């Protein structure tokens, strides 16, 4: 660290120990002195999102989460200390380890590696930029690993109105793919897309049969299963020859697996865990998305005023997310 590196007294949300459940969460606000290392930036946080993983880590569902710590994976803010060319830059980012294995973004300031940050698009507000992180990184990493869909391919998204589902729709339609969404009850797709989205109500229709019908018998080239085991069988039966299923979640961990269907279909299954991505690796994924936001093919999630909380109301924000709020919940120092 250089002799003239700044130090700041940051206001940080702190979790001292694992909570038994979301209702038992007891975050406090503490002051911590922050200074950057030689390859870091010091950022004044303008907004930070609250993700389901933040709450899961706080309630002991991630055994590698450290205590005490400041939670938070996603952020947007201004660089206030770093190489001269970076100072004043408006940036955003996310991470698999921030807020889980080390202090995170639910604070007035943040120290993060210089190669982890991404320039904030000018058309995007602080709150919107903070809300991009985890859902878009999860969707993009899944589609990168499965093979980014090409024009003419069909992508089937289970849980299409969840935030990762919506991000997957945006990325797939940006790339020219046809997207079919699956919902658990009768409702329309509620997010942004660059093309019309077909929707299947799983409560009223045999999903796999309907997918075959809509694709002339072929099936889906990519199935993005954001829900996990409840839709595993339907997803497997919906896959085209050499189709790929992306999995990011589970309720019950064990499923019935038809090996014959799997190898005869020449299928590929892709598991995605963004908690395994470093801040720098996450930054690389977000940079791939930059042209989509710049062109308007990708849009941040709308942020409702009643889903923005001050740091002092972090407990309310965490409870809202634990209660499966469909809003993108934001903390604002």
Protein backbone atom coordinates (compact mmCIF):
# COMPACT_ATOMS: atom_id res chain seq x y z
CA UNK A 1 0.00 0.00 0.00
CA UNK A 2 1.39 3.42 -0.92
CA UNK A 3 2.03 5.96 1.81
CA UNK A 4 -0.68 8.26 0.43
CA UNK A 5 -3.40 5.57 0.24
CA UNK A 6 -6.62 6.76 1.82
CA UNK A 7 -8.25 5.22 4.85
CA UNK A 8 -11.96 5.63 5.52
CA UNK A 9 -14.20 4.94 8.47
CA UNK A 10 -16.86 2.81 6.79
CA UNK A 11 -20.33 2.14 8.18
CA UNK A 12 -20.85 -1.61 7.76
CA UNK A 13 -23.71 -4.01 8.38
CA UNK A 14 -22.27 -6.78 10.58
CA UNK A 15 -23.41 -10.31 11.30
CA UNK A 16 -21.68 -11.60 14.42
CA UNK A 17 -22.82 -15.23 14.26
CA UNK A 18 -25.05 -17.65 12.38
CA UNK A 19 -28.79 -17.09 12.90
CA UNK A 20 -31.13 -20.06 13.38
CA UNK A 21 -33.55 -18.68 10.78
CA UNK A 22 -34.22 -15.41 8.90
CA UNK A 23 -36.50 -14.13 11.68
CA UNK A 24 -33.57 -14.45 14.12
CA UNK A 25 -31.18 -12.33 12.04
CA UNK A 26 -29.75 -9.50 14.14
CA UNK A 27 -27.49 -7.33 11.97
CA UNK A 28 -25.78 -4.35 13.62
CA UNK A 29 -24.08 -1.26 12.15
CA UNK A 30 -20.40 -0.94 13.04
CA UNK A 31 -17.57 1.32 11.95
CA UNK A 32 -14.55 -0.28 10.31
CA UNK A 33 -11.36 1.33 9.02
CA UNK A 34 -10.78 0.40 5.37
CA UNK A 35 -7.71 0.94 3.20
CA UNK A 36 -6.89 -0.61 -0.15
CA UNK A 37 -3.98 -2.90 -0.96
CA UNK A 38 -1.65 -2.27 -3.94
CA UNK A 39 -3.93 -4.01 -6.48
CA UNK A 40 -7.23 -2.84 -4.96
CA UNK A 41 -9.69 -0.01 -5.33
CA UNK A 42 -11.51 1.77 -2.52
CA UNK A 43 -15.13 2.34 -3.52
CA UNK A 44 -17.81 4.55 -2.02
CA UNK A 45 -20.87 2.30 -2.27
CA UNK A 46 -23.94 4.03 -3.73
CA UNK A 47 -26.19 0.95 -3.69
CA UNK A 48 -25.93 -2.79 -2.94
CA UNK A 49 -28.37 -5.60 -3.68
CA UNK A 50 -29.59 -8.25 -1.25
CA UNK A 51 -29.59 -11.76 -2.76
CA UNK A 52 -31.11 -15.01 -1.46
CA UNK A 53 -27.53 -16.28 -1.02
CA UNK A 54 -26.85 -13.44 1.45
CA UNK A 55 -29.69 -14.70 3.65
CA UNK A 56 -28.74 -18.37 3.21
CA UNK A 57 -25.15 -17.63 4.27
CA UNK A 58 -26.43 -15.70 7.30
CA UNK A 59 -28.51 -18.68 8.45
CA UNK A 60 -25.71 -21.23 8.20
CA UNK A 61 -26.68 -22.87 4.89
CA UNK A 62 -23.17 -22.18 3.55
CA UNK A 63 -20.67 -23.83 5.88
CA UNK A 64 -17.72 -21.86 4.48
CA UNK A 65 -19.31 -18.48 5.34
CA UNK A 66 -17.18 -16.66 7.93
CA UNK A 67 -18.38 -14.79 11.03
CA UNK A 68 -18.29 -12.01 11.98
CA UNK A 69 -18.57 -10.38 8.55
CA UNK A 70 -20.25 -7.75 6.40
CA UNK A 71 -22.63 -9.49 3.95
CA UNK A 72 -23.35 -8.51 0.34
CA UNK A 73 -22.16 -9.66 -3.11
CA UNK A 74 -23.47 -7.00 -5.53
CA UNK A 75 -22.63 -3.28 -5.58
CA UNK A 76 -22.43 -0.05 -7.53
CA UNK A 77 -20.35 2.95 -6.54
CA UNK A 78 -17.60 5.48 -7.19
CA UNK A 79 -13.85 4.77 -6.98
CA UNK A 80 -12.37 7.14 -4.37
CA UNK A 81 -8.87 5.63 -4.11
CA UNK A 82 -6.76 3.65 -6.56
CA UNK A 83 -4.58 4.31 -9.61
CA UNK A 84 -5.05 7.95 -10.70
CA UNK A 85 -6.91 7.00 -13.90
CA UNK A 86 -9.55 5.11 -11.92
CA UNK A 87 -10.49 7.77 -9.36
CA UNK A 88 -14.01 9.08 -9.93
CA UNK A 89 -14.97 6.10 -12.11
CA UNK A 90 -18.58 4.94 -11.76
CA UNK A 91 -18.44 1.15 -11.45
CA UNK A 92 -20.45 -1.90 -10.49
CA UNK A 93 -19.67 -5.54 -9.77
CA UNK A 94 -20.43 -8.77 -8.00
CA UNK A 95 -18.56 -11.72 -6.54
CA UNK A 96 -18.75 -15.28 -5.31
CA UNK A 97 -16.63 -14.62 -2.24
CA UNK A 98 -17.54 -11.05 -1.23
CA UNK A 99 -19.94 -11.11 1.69
CA UNK A 100 -19.51 -14.86 2.17
CA UNK A 101 -15.84 -15.66 2.75
CA UNK A 102 -14.80 -12.03 3.33
CA UNK A 103 -16.42 -8.68 4.08
CA UNK A 104 -18.89 -7.61 1.43
CA UNK A 105 -20.92 -4.79 0.00
CA UNK A 106 -23.57 -3.94 2.62
CA UNK A 107 -21.56 -0.96 3.78
CA UNK A 108 -20.78 2.65 2.93
CA UNK A 109 -17.40 1.64 1.45
CA UNK A 110 -15.81 -1.44 -0.08
CA UNK A 111 -12.30 -2.63 -0.96
CA UNK A 112 -12.17 -4.83 -4.07
CA UNK A 113 -9.58 -5.92 -6.66
CA UNK A 114 -9.06 -3.44 -9.52
CA UNK A 115 -9.80 -6.09 -12.17
CA UNK A 116 -13.14 -6.97 -10.55
CA UNK A 117 -15.00 -3.74 -11.35
CA UNK A 118 -16.96 -2.96 -14.51
CA UNK A 119 -17.82 0.49 -15.84
CA UNK A 120 -21.42 1.40 -15.02
CA UNK A 121 -23.51 2.07 -18.13
CA UNK A 122 -24.53 5.75 -18.15
CA UNK A 123 -28.16 4.92 -18.84
CA UNK A 124 -28.41 2.80 -15.66
CA UNK A 125 -29.10 4.20 -12.17
CA UNK A 126 -27.03 3.26 -9.12
CA UNK A 127 -29.83 1.07 -7.78
CA UNK A 128 -30.35 -0.65 -11.13
CA UNK A 129 -26.60 -1.27 -11.53
CA UNK A 130 -26.43 -2.79 -8.04
CA UNK A 131 -29.28 -5.13 -9.01
CA UNK A 132 -27.59 -6.56 -12.11
CA UNK A 133 -24.94 -8.75 -10.45
CA UNK A 134 -25.83 -12.23 -9.24
CA UNK A 135 -28.86 -12.95 -11.49
CA UNK A 136 -27.16 -11.85 -14.72
CA UNK A 137 -23.82 -13.48 -13.81
CA UNK A 138 -25.62 -16.77 -13.01
CA UNK A 139 -27.57 -16.65 -16.28
CA UNK A 140 -24.56 -15.69 -18.40
CA UNK A 141 -22.22 -18.21 -16.80
CA UNK A 142 -24.82 -20.95 -17.35
CA UNK A 143 -25.28 -20.04 -21.00
CA UNK A 144 -21.53 -19.67 -21.56
CA UNK A 145 -20.85 -23.10 -20.09
CA UNK A 146 -23.73 -24.74 -21.99
CA UNK A 147 -22.84 -22.95 -25.22
CA UNK A 148 -24.31 -19.49 -25.81
CA UNK A 149 -27.51 -20.05 -27.82
CA UNK A 150 -27.39 -19.31 -31.52
CA UNK A 151 -30.06 -17.75 -33.68
CA UNK A 152 -32.64 -20.42 -34.43
CA UNK A 153 -32.01 -22.45 -31.27
CA UNK A 154 -34.74 -22.90 -28.67
CA UNK A 155 -34.12 -22.12 -24.99
CA UNK A 156 -36.63 -23.38 -22.39
CA UNK A 157 -36.53 -21.52 -19.07
CA UNK A 158 -38.14 -23.06 -15.96
CA UNK A 159 -38.94 -20.36 -13.38
CA UNK A 160 -39.01 -17.74 -16.13
CA UNK A 161 -40.29 -14.93 -13.87
CA UNK A 162 -37.54 -15.35 -11.28
CA UNK A 163 -34.62 -12.94 -11.57
CA UNK A 164 -32.19 -15.52 -13.02
CA UNK A 165 -34.96 -16.72 -15.35
CA UNK A 166 -35.55 -13.18 -16.61
CA UNK A 167 -31.81 -12.59 -17.09
CA UNK A 168 -31.55 -15.85 -19.08
CA UNK A 169 -34.46 -14.74 -21.30
CA UNK A 170 -32.80 -11.38 -21.94
CA UNK A 171 -29.45 -12.93 -22.86
CA UNK A 172 -30.97 -15.67 -25.03
CA UNK A 173 -33.21 -13.30 -27.01
CA UNK A 174 -30.29 -10.85 -27.37
CA UNK A 175 -28.44 -13.71 -29.08
CA UNK A 176 -31.39 -14.37 -31.39
CA UNK A 177 -32.67 -17.58 -29.77
CA UNK A 178 -36.33 -18.48 -29.42
CA UNK A 179 -37.37 -18.63 -25.75
CA UNK A 180 -40.19 -20.56 -24.12
CA UNK A 181 -40.81 -19.91 -20.43
CA UNK A 182 -42.38 -22.20 -17.83
CA UNK A 183 -44.46 -20.84 -14.93
CA UNK A 184 -46.05 -22.78 -12.07
CA UNK A 185 -49.42 -21.01 -12.37
CA UNK A 186 -51.16 -19.02 -15.10
CA UNK A 187 -49.24 -15.77 -15.57
CA UNK A 188 -47.48 -13.91 -18.37
CA UNK A 189 -43.73 -13.34 -18.65
CA UNK A 190 -43.10 -10.11 -16.74
CA UNK A 191 -39.55 -9.17 -17.74
CA UNK A 192 -37.78 -7.55 -20.68
CA UNK A 193 -37.00 -9.49 -23.86
CA UNK A 194 -35.81 -8.73 -27.39
CA UNK A 195 -38.44 -11.06 -28.91
CA UNK A 196 -41.87 -12.48 -27.97
CA UNK A 197 -41.76 -15.18 -25.24
CA UNK A 198 -44.03 -18.22 -25.29
CA UNK A 199 -45.20 -19.29 -21.82
CA UNK A 200 -46.30 -22.75 -20.59
CA UNK A 201 -48.37 -23.05 -17.40
CA UNK A 202 -46.97 -26.17 -15.70
CA UNK A 203 -50.07 -26.47 -13.50
CA UNK A 204 -52.31 -26.98 -16.54
CA UNK A 205 -50.11 -28.55 -19.23
CA UNK A 206 -47.67 -31.43 -19.77
CA UNK A 207 -44.60 -29.26 -20.28
CA UNK A 208 -42.50 -31.70 -22.31
CA UNK A 209 -45.40 -32.58 -24.62
CA UNK A 210 -46.12 -28.89 -25.23
CA UNK A 211 -42.45 -28.14 -25.90
CA UNK A 212 -42.34 -30.93 -28.51
CA UNK A 213 -45.52 -29.52 -30.05
CA UNK A 214 -44.09 -25.99 -30.23
CA UNK A 215 -40.78 -27.18 -31.74
CA UNK A 216 -42.12 -29.58 -34.37
CA UNK A 217 -41.09 -32.57 -32.26
CA UNK A 218 -37.47 -31.49 -31.81
CA UNK A 219 -37.41 -30.26 -28.21
CA UNK A 220 -35.31 -27.52 -26.59
CA UNK A 221 -31.61 -27.09 -27.41
CA UNK A 222 -31.00 -25.58 -23.98
CA UNK A 223 -33.10 -25.97 -20.83
CA UNK A 224 -32.27 -23.43 -18.10
CA UNK A 225 -33.73 -25.02 -14.96
CA UNK A 226 -33.65 -22.30 -12.28
CA UNK A 227 -35.88 -24.32 -9.91
CA UNK A 228 -34.15 -27.71 -9.77
CA UNK A 229 -35.62 -31.10 -8.85
CA UNK A 230 -39.38 -30.29 -9.13
CA UNK A 231 -38.85 -29.77 -12.87
CA UNK A 232 -35.97 -32.18 -13.46
CA UNK A 233 -38.04 -34.88 -15.20
CA UNK A 234 -39.96 -32.40 -17.35
CA UNK A 235 -36.68 -30.73 -18.28
CA UNK A 236 -35.03 -34.02 -19.26
CA UNK A 237 -38.03 -35.02 -21.40
CA UNK A 238 -38.02 -31.59 -23.09
CA UNK A 239 -34.42 -31.78 -24.33
CA UNK A 240 -33.62 -32.05 -28.03
CA UNK A 241 -30.99 -34.46 -29.32
CA UNK A 242 -27.68 -33.18 -27.86
CA UNK A 243 -29.63 -30.74 -25.68
CA UNK A 244 -28.08 -29.17 -22.59
CA UNK A 245 -29.75 -28.70 -19.19
CA UNK A 246 -28.38 -26.00 -16.88
CA UNK A 247 -29.01 -26.49 -13.13
CA UNK A 248 -28.48 -23.81 -10.48
CA UNK A 249 -30.73 -24.81 -7.55
CA UNK A 250 -32.22 -27.70 -5.61
CA UNK A 251 -34.97 -28.23 -3.05
CA UNK A 252 -34.55 -32.00 -2.64
CA UNK A 253 -31.06 -33.00 -3.71
CA UNK A 254 -31.84 -36.49 -5.04
CA UNK A 255 -33.70 -37.07 -8.32
CA UNK A 256 -34.67 -40.10 -10.43
CA UNK A 257 -32.25 -40.12 -13.36
CA UNK A 258 -32.99 -42.04 -16.55
CA UNK A 259 -29.52 -43.00 -17.80
CA UNK A 260 -30.89 -44.51 -21.02
CA UNK A 261 -32.69 -41.27 -21.99
CA UNK A 262 -29.56 -39.34 -21.06
CA UNK A 263 -27.07 -41.19 -23.27
CA UNK A 264 -29.44 -41.92 -26.12
CA UNK A 265 -30.32 -38.24 -26.20
CA UNK A 266 -26.56 -37.39 -26.05
CA UNK A 267 -27.46 -34.82 -23.41
CA UNK A 268 -25.17 -32.56 -21.40
CA UNK A 269 -25.90 -31.38 -17.84
CA UNK A 270 -24.20 -28.20 -16.64
CA UNK A 271 -24.03 -27.23 -12.94
CA UNK A 272 -23.51 -23.57 -12.08
CA UNK A 273 -22.44 -22.21 -8.69
CA UNK A 274 -21.45 -18.54 -8.89
CA UNK A 275 -20.19 -18.72 -5.29
CA UNK A 276 -17.18 -20.45 -6.83
CA UNK A 277 -16.33 -17.38 -8.94
CA UNK A 278 -13.82 -14.86 -7.61
CA UNK A 279 -14.50 -11.13 -7.87
CA UNK A 280 -12.20 -10.93 -10.92
CA UNK A 281 -13.85 -13.92 -12.64
CA UNK A 282 -17.26 -12.39 -11.95
CA UNK A 283 -16.07 -9.09 -13.43
CA UNK A 284 -15.07 -10.90 -16.62
CA UNK A 285 -18.61 -12.32 -16.97
CA UNK A 286 -20.18 -8.89 -16.40
CA UNK A 287 -17.88 -7.34 -19.03
CA UNK A 288 -19.25 -9.85 -21.58
CA UNK A 289 -22.72 -8.44 -20.82
CA UNK A 290 -21.64 -4.80 -21.24
CA UNK A 291 -22.42 -4.54 -24.98
CA UNK A 292 -25.94 -5.88 -24.34
CA UNK A 293 -26.67 -3.15 -21.79
CA UNK A 294 -25.06 -0.51 -24.02
CA UNK A 295 -27.25 -1.52 -26.99
CA UNK A 296 -30.46 -1.80 -24.94
CA UNK A 297 -30.89 -5.52 -25.67
CA UNK A 298 -30.29 -6.09 -21.96
CA UNK A 299 -32.07 -4.00 -19.34
CA UNK A 300 -31.53 -3.91 -15.56
CA UNK A 301 -34.39 -5.00 -13.33
CA UNK A 302 -36.75 -2.16 -12.38
CA UNK A 303 -36.22 -1.14 -8.75
CA UNK A 304 -39.31 -0.20 -6.77
CA UNK A 305 -39.00 2.62 -4.24
CA UNK A 306 -40.43 0.44 -1.44
CA UNK A 307 -37.69 -2.17 -2.06
CA UNK A 308 -34.88 0.28 -1.21
CA UNK A 309 -33.72 0.25 2.43
CA UNK A 310 -31.10 2.24 4.39
CA UNK A 311 -28.30 0.20 6.01
CA UNK A 312 -30.03 0.66 9.37
CA UNK A 313 -32.98 -1.38 8.06
CA UNK A 314 -30.86 -4.26 6.77
CA UNK A 315 -32.86 -6.73 8.88
CA UNK A 316 -36.07 -5.71 7.08
CA UNK A 317 -34.32 -6.04 3.72
CA UNK A 318 -33.05 -9.54 4.55
CA UNK A 319 -36.48 -10.62 5.76
CA UNK A 320 -38.07 -9.34 2.54
CA UNK A 321 -35.69 -11.49 0.49
CA UNK A 322 -36.19 -14.49 2.80
CA UNK A 323 -39.93 -14.08 2.23
CA UNK A 324 -39.38 -14.66 -1.51
CA UNK A 325 -40.06 -11.05 -2.50
CA UNK A 326 -40.15 -10.76 -6.29
CA UNK A 327 -38.65 -7.28 -6.00
CA UNK A 328 -34.95 -6.69 -6.39
CA UNK A 329 -34.15 -5.54 -2.85
CA UNK A 330 -31.51 -2.81 -2.52
CA UNK A 331 -29.57 -1.35 0.44
CA UNK A 332 -28.57 2.28 0.06
CA UNK A 333 -25.92 3.81 2.34
